Amino acid sequence: MRYFLAVAETGHMTRAAERLGIQQPPLSLQIKALEKELGVALFHRHPKGVALSDAGRLFQAEARRLVDDMAAMEQRMARVARGELGVLNVGFTSSAAAHAFTPEALRACRRAWPGIELSIREDHAAGITEAVEGGRLHCGLIRVPVSQPDSLTFETLLREPVLVALPGDHPLARRRPDAISLAELRDEGFILVRQPGAPGLYANLLALCEAQGFRPRIAAEVERMVTSLNLVAAGAGVAVVPASITGLHPHAVVYLPLRDGTPLDAPLTLVYRSAEASGPAAHFLKIARDTARKAQGRVRRGRIP
């Protein structure tokens, strides 16, 4: 089609061959082969060159459209190869979504790469890890890794303190101490995110309670950290949650820090396939790291991210 258009535009086989950078005889053979395939003469030959036939003029419009469409498709495929177009499947836990980092990173991705369509999924840490490993998600944002398959990379982006969430009418909540210890909660019922969904944070909390001389009484186990705060607000027990999630139920829940030295915090972890080195996922990984560095800078300046 490109050969045909060059001949149609120049009206001469030799000049068209020069434009195309090929010899004239092969070009003439290509045009004859095209006419034979279509079953119609595209040109009238004359001593000074060629002229389009009626069929050739109709074919010229169709050929130009097809060549332009092909060029546009090649450009789109080049953008896909550079990761500028495509779909990015991202998963996150409810507590990871509550951190200001998550919407900030997603907004930054949309601004930087408007051709990338973001497909968002919420799940617990175990489900996200399994989906990334199985290729259903490109990457995910979780707290503490559930398991760490060899094919995946777990990158800690941020760490934040945890707070104790108490019902607003709890004696400790009314007293509002500067900080409390886990030992002060030995008689309380704990509301925990179910172990299969978040075994790391679950196990760490239980180990710290036992180190302080008691095994916590479990009042309820739930699928999502947000659900645990709903139950705290209802007076069903206490919970230990990341600081970034403490905007929920401000009139019904009081959040108190743990005493200094309590070795418990909540990481924000980026999980992705170790071989994910190109395409939209690679762009998002870079944006996530850049956004995390900015958030850490705000923390150092005394601002909560």
C-alpha atoms as a PDB file:
ATOM      1  CA  MET A   1       0.000   0.000   0.000  1.00  0.00           C
ATOM      2  CA  ARG A   2       2.870   2.374   0.765  1.00  0.00           C
ATOM      3  CA  TYR A   3       4.406   1.505  -2.615  1.00  0.00           C
ATOM      4  CA  PHE A   4       1.084   2.195  -4.348  1.00  0.00           C
ATOM      5  CA  LEU A   5       0.669   5.565  -2.597  1.00  0.00           C
ATOM      6  CA  ALA A   6       4.192   6.636  -3.544  1.00  0.00           C
ATOM      7  CA  VAL A   7       3.514   5.878  -7.227  1.00  0.00           C
ATOM      8  CA  ALA A   8       0.106   7.583  -7.077  1.00  0.00           C
ATOM      9  CA  GLU A   9       1.610  10.726  -5.516  1.00  0.00           C
ATOM     10  CA  THR A  10       4.592  11.011  -7.890  1.00  0.00           C
ATOM     11  CA  GLY A  11       2.906   9.721 -11.027  1.00  0.00           C
ATOM     12  CA  HIS A  12       6.147   8.023 -12.001  1.00  0.00           C
ATOM     13  CA  MET A  13       7.659   4.623 -11.189  1.00  0.00           C
ATOM     14  CA  THR A  14      11.287   5.787 -11.142  1.00  0.00           C
ATOM     15  CA  ARG A  15      10.656   8.842  -8.933  1.00  0.00           C
ATOM     16  CA  ALA A  16       8.525   6.721  -6.588  1.00  0.00           C
ATOM     17  CA  ALA A  17      11.324   4.132  -6.362  1.00  0.00           C
ATOM     18  CA  GLU A  18      13.809   6.871  -5.483  1.00  0.00           C
ATOM     19  CA  ARG A  19      11.513   8.165  -2.743  1.00  0.00           C
ATOM     20  CA  LEU A  20      11.116   4.675  -1.341  1.00  0.00           C
ATOM     21  CA  GLY A  21      14.828   3.872  -1.562  1.00  0.00           C
ATOM     22  CA  ILE A  22      14.361   0.804  -3.771  1.00  0.00           C
ATOM     23  CA  GLN A  23      15.016  -0.097  -7.406  1.00  0.00           C
ATOM     24  CA  GLN A  24      12.386   0.633 -10.073  1.00  0.00           C
ATOM     25  CA  PRO A  25      11.907  -2.941 -11.434  1.00  0.00           C
ATOM     26  CA  PRO A  26      10.916  -4.475  -8.058  1.00  0.00           C
ATOM     27  CA  LEU A  27       8.507  -1.589  -7.498  1.00  0.00           C
ATOM     28  CA  SER A  28       6.845  -2.179 -10.876  1.00  0.00           C
ATOM     29  CA  LEU A  29       6.510  -5.876 -10.037  1.00  0.00           C
ATOM     30  CA  GLN A  30       4.904  -5.041  -6.664  1.00  0.00           C
ATOM     31  CA  ILE A  31       2.343  -2.755  -8.311  1.00  0.00           C
ATOM     32  CA  LYS A  32       1.501  -5.384 -10.939  1.00  0.00           C
ATOM     33  CA  ALA A  33       1.119  -8.007  -8.203  1.00  0.00           C
ATOM     34  CA  LEU A  34      -1.234  -5.687  -6.295  1.00  0.00           C
ATOM     35  CA  GLU A  35      -3.346  -5.073  -9.423  1.00  0.00           C
ATOM     36  CA  LYS A  36      -3.484  -8.810 -10.078  1.00  0.00           C
ATOM     37  CA  GLU A  37      -4.583  -9.528  -6.507  1.00  0.00           C
ATOM     38  CA  LEU A  38      -7.302  -6.862  -6.666  1.00  0.00           C
ATOM     39  CA  GLY A  39      -8.356  -7.848 -10.193  1.00  0.00           C
ATOM     40  CA  VAL A  40      -8.359  -4.271 -11.439  1.00  0.00           C
ATOM     41  CA  ALA A  41      -5.934  -1.866 -13.131  1.00  0.00           C
ATOM     42  CA  LEU A  42      -4.942   0.899 -10.715  1.00  0.00           C
ATOM     43  CA  PHE A  43      -2.894   2.923 -13.193  1.00  0.00           C
ATOM     44  CA  HIS A  44      -2.907   3.894 -16.850  1.00  0.00           C
ATOM     45  CA  ARG A  45       0.661   3.612 -18.179  1.00  0.00           C
ATOM     46  CA  HIS A  46       1.916   6.252 -20.615  1.00  0.00           C
ATOM     47  CA  PRO A  47       5.382   7.292 -21.930  1.00  0.00           C
ATOM     48  CA  LYS A  48       5.848  10.020 -19.301  1.00  0.00           C
ATOM     49  CA  GLY A  49       4.751   7.942 -16.310  1.00  0.00           C
ATOM     50  CA  VAL A  50       1.484   6.667 -14.879  1.00  0.00           C
ATOM     51  CA  ALA A  51      -1.925   8.101 -14.043  1.00  0.00           C
ATOM     52  CA  LEU A  52      -4.524   6.764 -11.639  1.00  0.00           C
ATOM     53  CA  SER A  53      -7.457   4.928 -13.123  1.00  0.00           C
ATOM     54  CA  ASP A  54     -10.973   5.445 -11.724  1.00  0.00           C
ATOM     55  CA  ALA A  55     -10.444   2.325  -9.601  1.00  0.00           C
ATOM     56  CA  GLY A  56      -7.026   3.632  -8.574  1.00  0.00           C
ATOM     57  CA  ARG A  57      -8.505   6.895  -7.274  1.00  0.00           C
ATOM     58  CA  LEU A  58     -11.009   4.958  -5.164  1.00  0.00           C
ATOM     59  CA  PHE A  59      -8.272   2.654  -3.927  1.00  0.00           C
ATOM     60  CA  GLN A  60      -6.011   5.611  -3.074  1.00  0.00           C
ATOM     61  CA  ALA A  61      -8.467   6.888  -0.448  1.00  0.00           C
ATOM     62  CA  GLU A  62      -8.795   3.432   1.111  1.00  0.00           C
ATOM     63  CA  ALA A  63      -5.038   2.839   1.038  1.00  0.00           C
ATOM     64  CA  ARG A  64      -4.311   6.188   2.710  1.00  0.00           C
ATOM     65  CA  ARG A  65      -6.789   5.406   5.496  1.00  0.00           C
ATOM     66  CA  LEU A  66      -5.296   1.941   6.077  1.00  0.00           C
ATOM     67  CA  VAL A  67      -1.701   3.186   6.066  1.00  0.00           C
ATOM     68  CA  ASP A  68      -2.596   5.987   8.500  1.00  0.00           C
ATOM     69  CA  ASP A  69      -4.410   3.488  10.744  1.00  0.00           C
ATOM     70  CA  MET A  70      -1.361   1.227  10.665  1.00  0.00           C
ATOM     71  CA  ALA A  71       0.930   4.103  11.599  1.00  0.00           C
ATOM     72  CA  ALA A  72      -1.358   5.035  14.489  1.00  0.00           C
ATOM     73  CA  MET A  73      -1.424   1.418  15.666  1.00  0.00           C
ATOM     74  CA  GLU A  74       2.369   1.251  15.525  1.00  0.00           C
ATOM     75  CA  GLN A  75       2.537   4.398  17.668  1.00  0.00           C
ATOM     76  CA  ARG A  76       0.083   2.908  20.175  1.00  0.00           C
ATOM     77  CA  MET A  77       2.068  -0.314  20.353  1.00  0.00           C
ATOM     78  CA  ALA A  78       5.249   1.692  20.914  1.00  0.00           C
ATOM     79  CA  ARG A  79       3.530   3.454  23.826  1.00  0.00           C
ATOM     80  CA  VAL A  80       2.410   0.085  25.186  1.00  0.00           C
ATOM     81  CA  ALA A  81       5.998  -1.169  24.931  1.00  0.00           C
ATOM     82  CA  ARG A  82       7.164   1.884  26.904  1.00  0.00           C
ATOM     83  CA  GLY A  83       4.452   1.286  29.533  1.00  0.00           C
ATOM     84  CA  GLU A  84       2.575   4.495  28.671  1.00  0.00           C
ATOM     85  CA  LEU A  85      -0.649   2.644  27.810  1.00  0.00           C
ATOM     86  CA  GLY A  86      -2.298  -0.357  29.400  1.00  0.00           C
ATOM     87  CA  VAL A  87      -4.102  -1.525  32.520  1.00  0.00           C
ATOM     88  CA  LEU A  88      -2.504  -1.611  35.967  1.00  0.00           C
ATOM     89  CA  ASN A  89      -4.173  -3.953  38.464  1.00  0.00           C
ATOM     90  CA  VAL A  90      -3.449  -2.825  42.040  1.00  0.00           C
ATOM     91  CA  GLY A  91      -4.731  -4.341  45.273  1.00  0.00           C
ATOM     92  CA  PHE A  92      -4.646  -3.024  48.818  1.00  0.00           C
ATOM     93  CA  THR A  93      -5.877  -3.870  52.265  1.00  0.00           C
ATOM     94  CA  SER A  94      -8.408  -1.592  53.945  1.00  0.00           C
ATOM     95  CA  SER A  95      -5.803  -0.347  56.433  1.00  0.00           C
ATOM     96  CA  ALA A  96      -3.285   0.337  53.657  1.00  0.00           C
ATOM     97  CA  ALA A  97      -5.974   2.256  51.771  1.00  0.00           C
ATOM     98  CA  ALA A  98      -6.593   4.392  54.866  1.00  0.00           C
ATOM     99  CA  HIS A  99      -3.018   5.691  54.815  1.00  0.00           C
ATOM    100  CA  ALA A 100      -2.649   9.037  53.010  1.00  0.00           C
ATOM    101  CA  PHE A 101       0.140   7.463  50.977  1.00  0.00           C
ATOM    102  CA  THR A 102      -2.229   5.259  48.961  1.00  0.00           C
ATOM    103  CA  PRO A 103      -4.495   7.890  47.356  1.00  0.00           C
ATOM    104  CA  GLU A 104      -1.470  10.166  46.927  1.00  0.00           C
ATOM    105  CA  ALA A 105       0.406   7.480  44.969  1.00  0.00           C
ATOM    106  CA  LEU A 106      -2.660   6.648  42.845  1.00  0.00           C
ATOM    107  CA  ARG A 107      -3.227  10.333  42.032  1.00  0.00           C
ATOM    108  CA  ALA A 108       0.434  10.742  41.118  1.00  0.00           C
ATOM    109  CA  CYS A 109       0.200   7.752  38.782  1.00  0.00           C
ATOM    110  CA  ARG A 110      -2.872   9.175  37.052  1.00  0.00           C
ATOM    111  CA  ARG A 111      -1.174  12.558  36.613  1.00  0.00           C
ATOM    112  CA  ALA A 112       2.101  11.136  35.303  1.00  0.00           C
ATOM    113  CA  TRP A 113       0.622   8.380  33.125  1.00  0.00           C
ATOM    114  CA  PRO A 114      -2.910   9.325  32.006  1.00  0.00           C
ATOM    115  CA  GLY A 115      -2.854   6.519  29.429  1.00  0.00           C
ATOM    116  CA  ILE A 116      -2.640   3.871  32.167  1.00  0.00           C
ATOM    117  CA  GLU A 117      -6.012   2.622  33.384  1.00  0.00           C
ATOM    118  CA  LEU A 118      -6.016   1.803  37.100  1.00  0.00           C
ATOM    119  CA  SER A 119      -8.032  -1.241  38.166  1.00  0.00           C
ATOM    120  CA  ILE A 120      -8.360  -1.279  41.965  1.00  0.00           C
ATOM    121  CA  ARG A 121      -9.182  -4.242  44.197  1.00  0.00           C
ATOM    122  CA  GLU A 122      -9.490  -4.439  47.995  1.00  0.00           C
ATOM    123  CA  ASP A 123      -8.702  -7.651  49.854  1.00  0.00           C
ATOM    124  CA  HIS A 124      -6.842  -8.911  52.903  1.00  0.00           C
ATOM    125  CA  ALA A 125      -3.066  -9.415  52.797  1.00  0.00           C
ATOM    126  CA  ALA A 126      -3.265 -13.133  52.061  1.00  0.00           C
ATOM    127  CA  GLY A 127      -5.632 -12.612  49.121  1.00  0.00           C
ATOM    128  CA  ILE A 128      -3.516  -9.814  47.644  1.00  0.00           C
ATOM    129  CA  THR A 129      -0.302 -11.827  47.936  1.00  0.00           C
ATOM    130  CA  GLU A 130      -1.927 -14.803  46.231  1.00  0.00           C
ATOM    131  CA  ALA A 131      -3.367 -12.604  43.447  1.00  0.00           C
ATOM    132  CA  VAL A 132       0.003 -10.960  42.742  1.00  0.00           C
ATOM    133  CA  GLU A 133       1.727 -14.337  42.647  1.00  0.00           C
ATOM    134  CA  GLY A 134      -0.960 -15.683  40.292  1.00  0.00           C
ATOM    135  CA  GLY A 135      -0.697 -12.706  37.926  1.00  0.00           C
ATOM    136  CA  ARG A 136      -4.202 -11.359  38.629  1.00  0.00           C
ATOM    137  CA  LEU A 137      -2.681  -8.245  40.213  1.00  0.00           C
ATOM    138  CA  HIS A 138       0.477  -6.437  39.146  1.00  0.00           C
ATOM    139  CA  CYS A 139       1.223  -5.257  42.686  1.00  0.00           C
ATOM    140  CA  GLY A 140      -0.371  -4.677  46.063  1.00  0.00           C
ATOM    141  CA  LEU A 141      -0.132  -2.576  49.204  1.00  0.00           C
ATOM    142  CA  ILE A 142      -0.370  -4.529  52.439  1.00  0.00           C
ATOM    143  CA  ARG A 143       0.823  -4.212  56.016  1.00  0.00           C
ATOM    144  CA  VAL A 144       2.751  -7.232  57.329  1.00  0.00           C
ATOM    145  CA  PRO A 145       3.394  -9.953  54.710  1.00  0.00           C
ATOM    146  CA  VAL A 146       1.410 -13.147  55.222  1.00  0.00           C
ATOM    147  CA  SER A 147       3.780 -15.407  53.310  1.00  0.00           C
ATOM    148  CA  GLN A 148       6.748 -14.549  51.118  1.00  0.00           C
ATOM    149  CA  PRO A 149       6.885 -16.673  47.936  1.00  0.00           C
ATOM    150  CA  ASP A 150      10.259 -16.655  46.191  1.00  0.00           C
ATOM    151  CA  SER A 151       8.774 -15.136  43.028  1.00  0.00           C
ATOM    152  CA  LEU A 152       7.606 -12.008  44.879  1.00  0.00           C
ATOM    153  CA  THR A 153       9.408  -8.990  46.299  1.00  0.00           C
ATOM    154  CA  PHE A 154       8.188  -7.370  49.530  1.00  0.00           C
ATOM    155  CA  GLU A 155       9.419  -3.799  49.855  1.00  0.00           C
ATOM    156  CA  THR A 156       8.756  -1.819  53.040  1.00  0.00           C
ATOM    157  CA  LEU A 157       7.837   1.709  51.972  1.00  0.00           C
ATOM    158  CA  LEU A 158       6.891   3.254  55.325  1.00  0.00           C
ATOM    159  CA  ARG A 159       6.523   2.427  58.968  1.00  0.00           C
ATOM    160  CA  GLU A 160       4.080   4.113  61.307  1.00  0.00           C
ATOM    161  CA  PRO A 161       3.199   3.762  64.983  1.00  0.00           C
ATOM    162  CA  VAL A 162       0.201   1.819  66.194  1.00  0.00           C
ATOM    163  CA  LEU A 163      -2.362   3.176  68.630  1.00  0.00           C
ATOM    164  CA  VAL A 164      -4.773   1.540  71.022  1.00  0.00           C
ATOM    165  CA  ALA A 165      -8.405   2.164  70.075  1.00  0.00           C
ATOM    166  CA  LEU A 166     -10.744   2.324  73.082  1.00  0.00           C
ATOM    167  CA  PRO A 167     -14.507   2.888  73.317  1.00  0.00           C
ATOM    168  CA  GLY A 168     -15.186   6.492  74.224  1.00  0.00           C
ATOM    169  CA  ASP A 169     -16.730   5.563  77.583  1.00  0.00           C
ATOM    170  CA  HIS A 170     -13.800   3.339  78.647  1.00  0.00           C
ATOM    171  CA  PRO A 171     -12.149   4.470  81.944  1.00  0.00           C
ATOM    172  CA  LEU A 172      -8.756   4.846  80.242  1.00  0.00           C
ATOM    173  CA  ALA A 173     -10.384   6.844  77.458  1.00  0.00           C
ATOM    174  CA  ARG A 174     -12.008   9.210  79.945  1.00  0.00           C
ATOM    175  CA  ARG A 175      -8.720   9.635  81.824  1.00  0.00           C
ATOM    176  CA  ARG A 176      -6.778  10.312  78.607  1.00  0.00           C
ATOM    177  CA  PRO A 177      -3.243   9.358  79.752  1.00  0.00           C
ATOM    178  CA  ASP A 178      -0.319  10.390  77.548  1.00  0.00           C
ATOM    179  CA  ALA A 179       0.356   6.722  76.768  1.00  0.00           C
ATOM    180  CA  ILE A 180      -0.589   3.265  77.992  1.00  0.00           C
ATOM    181  CA  SER A 181       1.045  -0.136  78.089  1.00  0.00           C
ATOM    182  CA  LEU A 182      -0.378  -3.363  76.771  1.00  0.00           C
ATOM    183  CA  ALA A 183      -0.316  -4.718  80.325  1.00  0.00           C
ATOM    184  CA  GLU A 184      -3.000  -2.171  81.279  1.00  0.00           C
ATOM    185  CA  LEU A 185      -5.286  -3.949  78.820  1.00  0.00           C
ATOM    186  CA  ARG A 186      -4.898  -7.434  80.301  1.00  0.00           C
ATOM    187  CA  ASP A 187      -8.559  -7.584  81.335  1.00  0.00           C
ATOM    188  CA  GLU A 188      -9.912  -6.240  78.064  1.00  0.00           C
ATOM    189  CA  GLY A 189     -11.406  -8.117  75.142  1.00  0.00           C
ATOM    190  CA  PHE A 190      -9.304  -7.601  71.998  1.00  0.00           C
ATOM    191  CA  ILE A 191     -10.816  -7.250  68.556  1.00  0.00           C
ATOM    192  CA  LEU A 192      -8.294  -8.612  66.066  1.00  0.00           C
ATOM    193  CA  VAL A 193      -8.067  -8.934  62.326  1.00  0.00           C
ATOM    194  CA  ARG A 194      -8.407 -12.663  61.669  1.00  0.00           C
ATOM    195  CA  GLN A 195      -5.066 -14.449  61.635  1.00  0.00           C
ATOM    196  CA  PRO A 196      -5.237 -15.908  58.070  1.00  0.00           C
ATOM    197  CA  GLY A 197      -5.693 -12.389  56.715  1.00  0.00           C
ATOM    198  CA  ALA A 198      -3.030 -10.626  58.761  1.00  0.00           C
ATOM    199  CA  PRO A 199      -0.973 -13.174  60.677  1.00  0.00           C
ATOM    200  CA  GLY A 200       2.102 -10.959  61.021  1.00  0.00           C
ATOM    201  CA  LEU A 201       0.487  -8.117  62.978  1.00  0.00           C
ATOM    202  CA  TYR A 202      -1.721 -10.610  64.816  1.00  0.00           C
ATOM    203  CA  ALA A 203       1.253 -12.738  65.893  1.00  0.00           C
ATOM    204  CA  ASN A 204       3.400  -9.733  66.841  1.00  0.00           C
ATOM    205  CA  LEU A 205       0.671  -8.340  69.091  1.00  0.00           C
ATOM    206  CA  LEU A 206       0.079 -11.678  70.824  1.00  0.00           C
ATOM    207  CA  ALA A 207       3.827 -12.132  71.395  1.00  0.00           C
ATOM    208  CA  LEU A 208       4.135  -8.678  72.976  1.00  0.00           C
ATOM    209  CA  CYS A 209       1.162  -9.278  75.266  1.00  0.00           C
ATOM    210  CA  GLU A 210       2.685 -12.556  76.442  1.00  0.00           C
ATOM    211  CA  ALA A 211       6.014 -10.786  77.009  1.00  0.00           C
ATOM    212  CA  GLN A 212       4.148  -8.406  79.332  1.00  0.00           C
ATOM    213  CA  GLY A 213       2.721 -11.302  81.305  1.00  0.00           C
ATOM    214  CA  PHE A 214      -0.694 -12.048  79.878  1.00  0.00           C
ATOM    215  CA  ARG A 215      -2.470 -13.687  76.977  1.00  0.00           C
ATOM    216  CA  PRO A 216      -5.138 -11.395  75.578  1.00  0.00           C
ATOM    217  CA  ARG A 217      -8.740 -12.413  75.630  1.00  0.00           C
ATOM    218  CA  ILE A 218     -10.064 -12.315  72.083  1.00  0.00           C
ATOM    219  CA  ALA A 219     -13.509 -10.723  71.943  1.00  0.00           C
ATOM    220  CA  ALA A 220     -13.867 -10.993  68.167  1.00  0.00           C
ATOM    221  CA  GLU A 221     -11.932 -11.736  64.994  1.00  0.00           C
ATOM    222  CA  VAL A 222     -12.859  -9.817  61.848  1.00  0.00           C
ATOM    223  CA  GLU A 223     -11.820  -9.727  58.197  1.00  0.00           C
ATOM    224  CA  ARG A 224     -10.994  -5.998  57.988  1.00  0.00           C
ATOM    225  CA  MET A 225      -9.336  -3.512  60.292  1.00  0.00           C
ATOM    226  CA  VAL A 226     -12.107  -1.003  59.605  1.00  0.00           C
ATOM    227  CA  THR A 227     -14.588  -3.549  60.979  1.00  0.00           C
ATOM    228  CA  SER A 228     -12.556  -3.815  64.189  1.00  0.00           C
ATOM    229  CA  LEU A 229     -12.972  -0.057  64.725  1.00  0.00           C
ATOM    230  CA  ASN A 230     -16.706  -0.320  64.102  1.00  0.00           C
ATOM    231  CA  LEU A 231     -16.865  -2.857  66.933  1.00  0.00           C
ATOM    232  CA  VAL A 232     -14.723  -0.695  69.208  1.00  0.00           C
ATOM    233  CA  ALA A 233     -17.109   2.197  68.586  1.00  0.00           C
ATOM    234  CA  ALA A 234     -19.948  -0.131  69.596  1.00  0.00           C
ATOM    235  CA  GLY A 235     -18.172  -0.916  72.883  1.00  0.00           C
ATOM    236  CA  ALA A 236     -17.362  -4.541  72.016  1.00  0.00           C
ATOM    237  CA  GLY A 237     -13.680  -4.348  72.947  1.00  0.00           C
ATOM    238  CA  VAL A 238     -10.347  -2.681  72.214  1.00  0.00           C
ATOM    239  CA  ALA A 239      -8.095  -2.853  69.174  1.00  0.00           C
ATOM    240  CA  VAL A 240      -4.557  -1.975  68.159  1.00  0.00           C
ATOM    241  CA  VAL A 241      -4.493  -0.173  64.805  1.00  0.00           C
ATOM    242  CA  PRO A 242      -2.102   1.854  62.609  1.00  0.00           C
ATOM    243  CA  ALA A 243      -2.068   5.573  63.358  1.00  0.00           C
ATOM    244  CA  SER A 244      -3.239   6.461  59.848  1.00  0.00           C
ATOM    245  CA  ILE A 245      -6.577   4.715  60.335  1.00  0.00           C
ATOM    246  CA  THR A 246      -7.546   6.671  63.436  1.00  0.00           C
ATOM    247  CA  GLY A 247      -9.840   9.151  61.704  1.00  0.00           C
ATOM    248  CA  LEU A 248     -12.762   6.727  62.001  1.00  0.00           C
ATOM    249  CA  HIS A 249     -15.465   7.287  64.645  1.00  0.00           C
ATOM    250  CA  PRO A 250     -13.746  10.272  66.321  1.00  0.00           C
ATOM    251  CA  HIS A 251     -16.740  10.819  68.628  1.00  0.00           C
ATOM    252  CA  ALA A 252     -17.023   7.194  69.722  1.00  0.00           C
ATOM    253  CA  VAL A 253     -13.409   5.970  69.788  1.00  0.00           C
ATOM    254  CA  VAL A 254     -10.392   7.326  71.674  1.00  0.00           C
ATOM    255  CA  TYR A 255      -6.919   6.558  70.328  1.00  0.00           C
ATOM    256  CA  LEU A 256      -3.996   6.367  72.751  1.00  0.00           C
ATOM    257  CA  PRO A 257      -0.322   5.729  71.969  1.00  0.00           C
ATOM    258  CA  LEU A 258       1.614   2.858  73.477  1.00  0.00           C
ATOM    259  CA  ARG A 259       4.403   3.665  75.864  1.00  0.00           C
ATOM    260  CA  ASP A 260       7.818   4.343  74.392  1.00  0.00           C
ATOM    261  CA  GLY A 261       9.804   1.203  73.870  1.00  0.00           C
ATOM    262  CA  THR A 262       6.897  -0.998  72.813  1.00  0.00           C
ATOM    263  CA  PRO A 263       8.398  -2.721  69.743  1.00  0.00           C
ATOM    264  CA  LEU A 264       5.255  -2.704  67.641  1.00  0.00           C
ATOM    265  CA  ASP A 265       4.624  -0.689  64.514  1.00  0.00           C
ATOM    266  CA  ALA A 266       2.691  -1.024  61.273  1.00  0.00           C
ATOM    267  CA  PRO A 267       4.643  -1.162  58.029  1.00  0.00           C
ATOM    268  CA  LEU A 268       3.249  -0.285  54.626  1.00  0.00           C
ATOM    269  CA  THR A 269       4.566  -2.949  52.268  1.00  0.00           C
ATOM    270  CA  LEU A 270       4.621  -2.987  48.467  1.00  0.00           C
ATOM    271  CA  VAL A 271       4.403  -6.503  47.010  1.00  0.00           C
ATOM    272  CA  TYR A 272       5.105  -7.251  43.350  1.00  0.00           C
ATOM    273  CA  ARG A 273       6.511  -9.953  41.122  1.00  0.00           C
ATOM    274  CA  SER A 274      10.295  -9.818  41.190  1.00  0.00           C
ATOM    275  CA  ALA A 275      10.446 -10.026  37.381  1.00  0.00           C
ATOM    276  CA  GLU A 276       8.123  -6.994  36.978  1.00  0.00           C
ATOM    277  CA  ALA A 277      10.689  -4.663  35.409  1.00  0.00           C
ATOM    278  CA  SER A 278       8.739  -2.954  32.625  1.00  0.00           C
ATOM    279  CA  GLY A 279       5.344  -1.622  31.624  1.00  0.00           C
ATOM    280  CA  PRO A 280       2.770   0.194  33.796  1.00  0.00           C
ATOM    281  CA  ALA A 281       3.776  -1.776  36.905  1.00  0.00           C
ATOM    282  CA  ALA A 282       7.358  -0.496  36.710  1.00  0.00           C
ATOM    283  CA  HIS A 283       6.089   3.093  36.472  1.00  0.00           C
ATOM    284  CA  PHE A 284       3.873   2.593  39.517  1.00  0.00           C
ATOM    285  CA  LEU A 285       6.715   1.053  41.541  1.00  0.00           C
ATOM    286  CA  LYS A 286       8.835   4.154  40.927  1.00  0.00           C
ATOM    287  CA  ILE A 287       5.946   6.478  41.823  1.00  0.00           C
ATOM    288  CA  ALA A 288       5.285   4.484  45.021  1.00  0.00           C
ATOM    289  CA  ARG A 289       8.929   4.823  46.091  1.00  0.00           C
ATOM    290  CA  ASP A 290       9.001   8.544  45.294  1.00  0.00           C
ATOM    291  CA  THR A 291       5.743   9.115  47.182  1.00  0.00           C
ATOM    292  CA  ALA A 292       7.067   7.174  50.186  1.00  0.00           C
ATOM    293  CA  ARG A 293      10.221   9.318  50.274  1.00  0.00           C
ATOM    294  CA  LYS A 294       8.098  12.462  50.295  1.00  0.00           C
ATOM    295  CA  ALA A 295       5.943  11.068  53.108  1.00  0.00           C
ATOM    296  CA  GLN A 296       9.042  10.221  55.164  1.00  0.00           C
ATOM    297  CA  GLY A 297      10.280  13.774  54.627  1.00  0.00           C
ATOM    298  CA  ARG A 298       7.026  15.145  56.040  1.00  0.00           C
ATOM    299  CA  VAL A 299       7.389  12.894  59.080  1.00  0.00           C
ATOM    300  CA  ARG A 300      10.920  14.167  59.699  1.00  0.00           C
ATOM    301  CA  ARG A 301       9.583  17.724  59.546  1.00  0.00           C
ATOM    302  CA  GLY A 302       6.988  16.829  62.167  1.00  0.00           C
ATOM    303  CA  ARG A 303       4.008  16.479  59.843  1.00  0.00           C
ATOM    304  CA  ILE A 304       1.884  13.325  59.881  1.00  0.00           C
ATOM    305  CA  PRO A 305       1.654  11.914  56.326  1.00  0.00           C
END
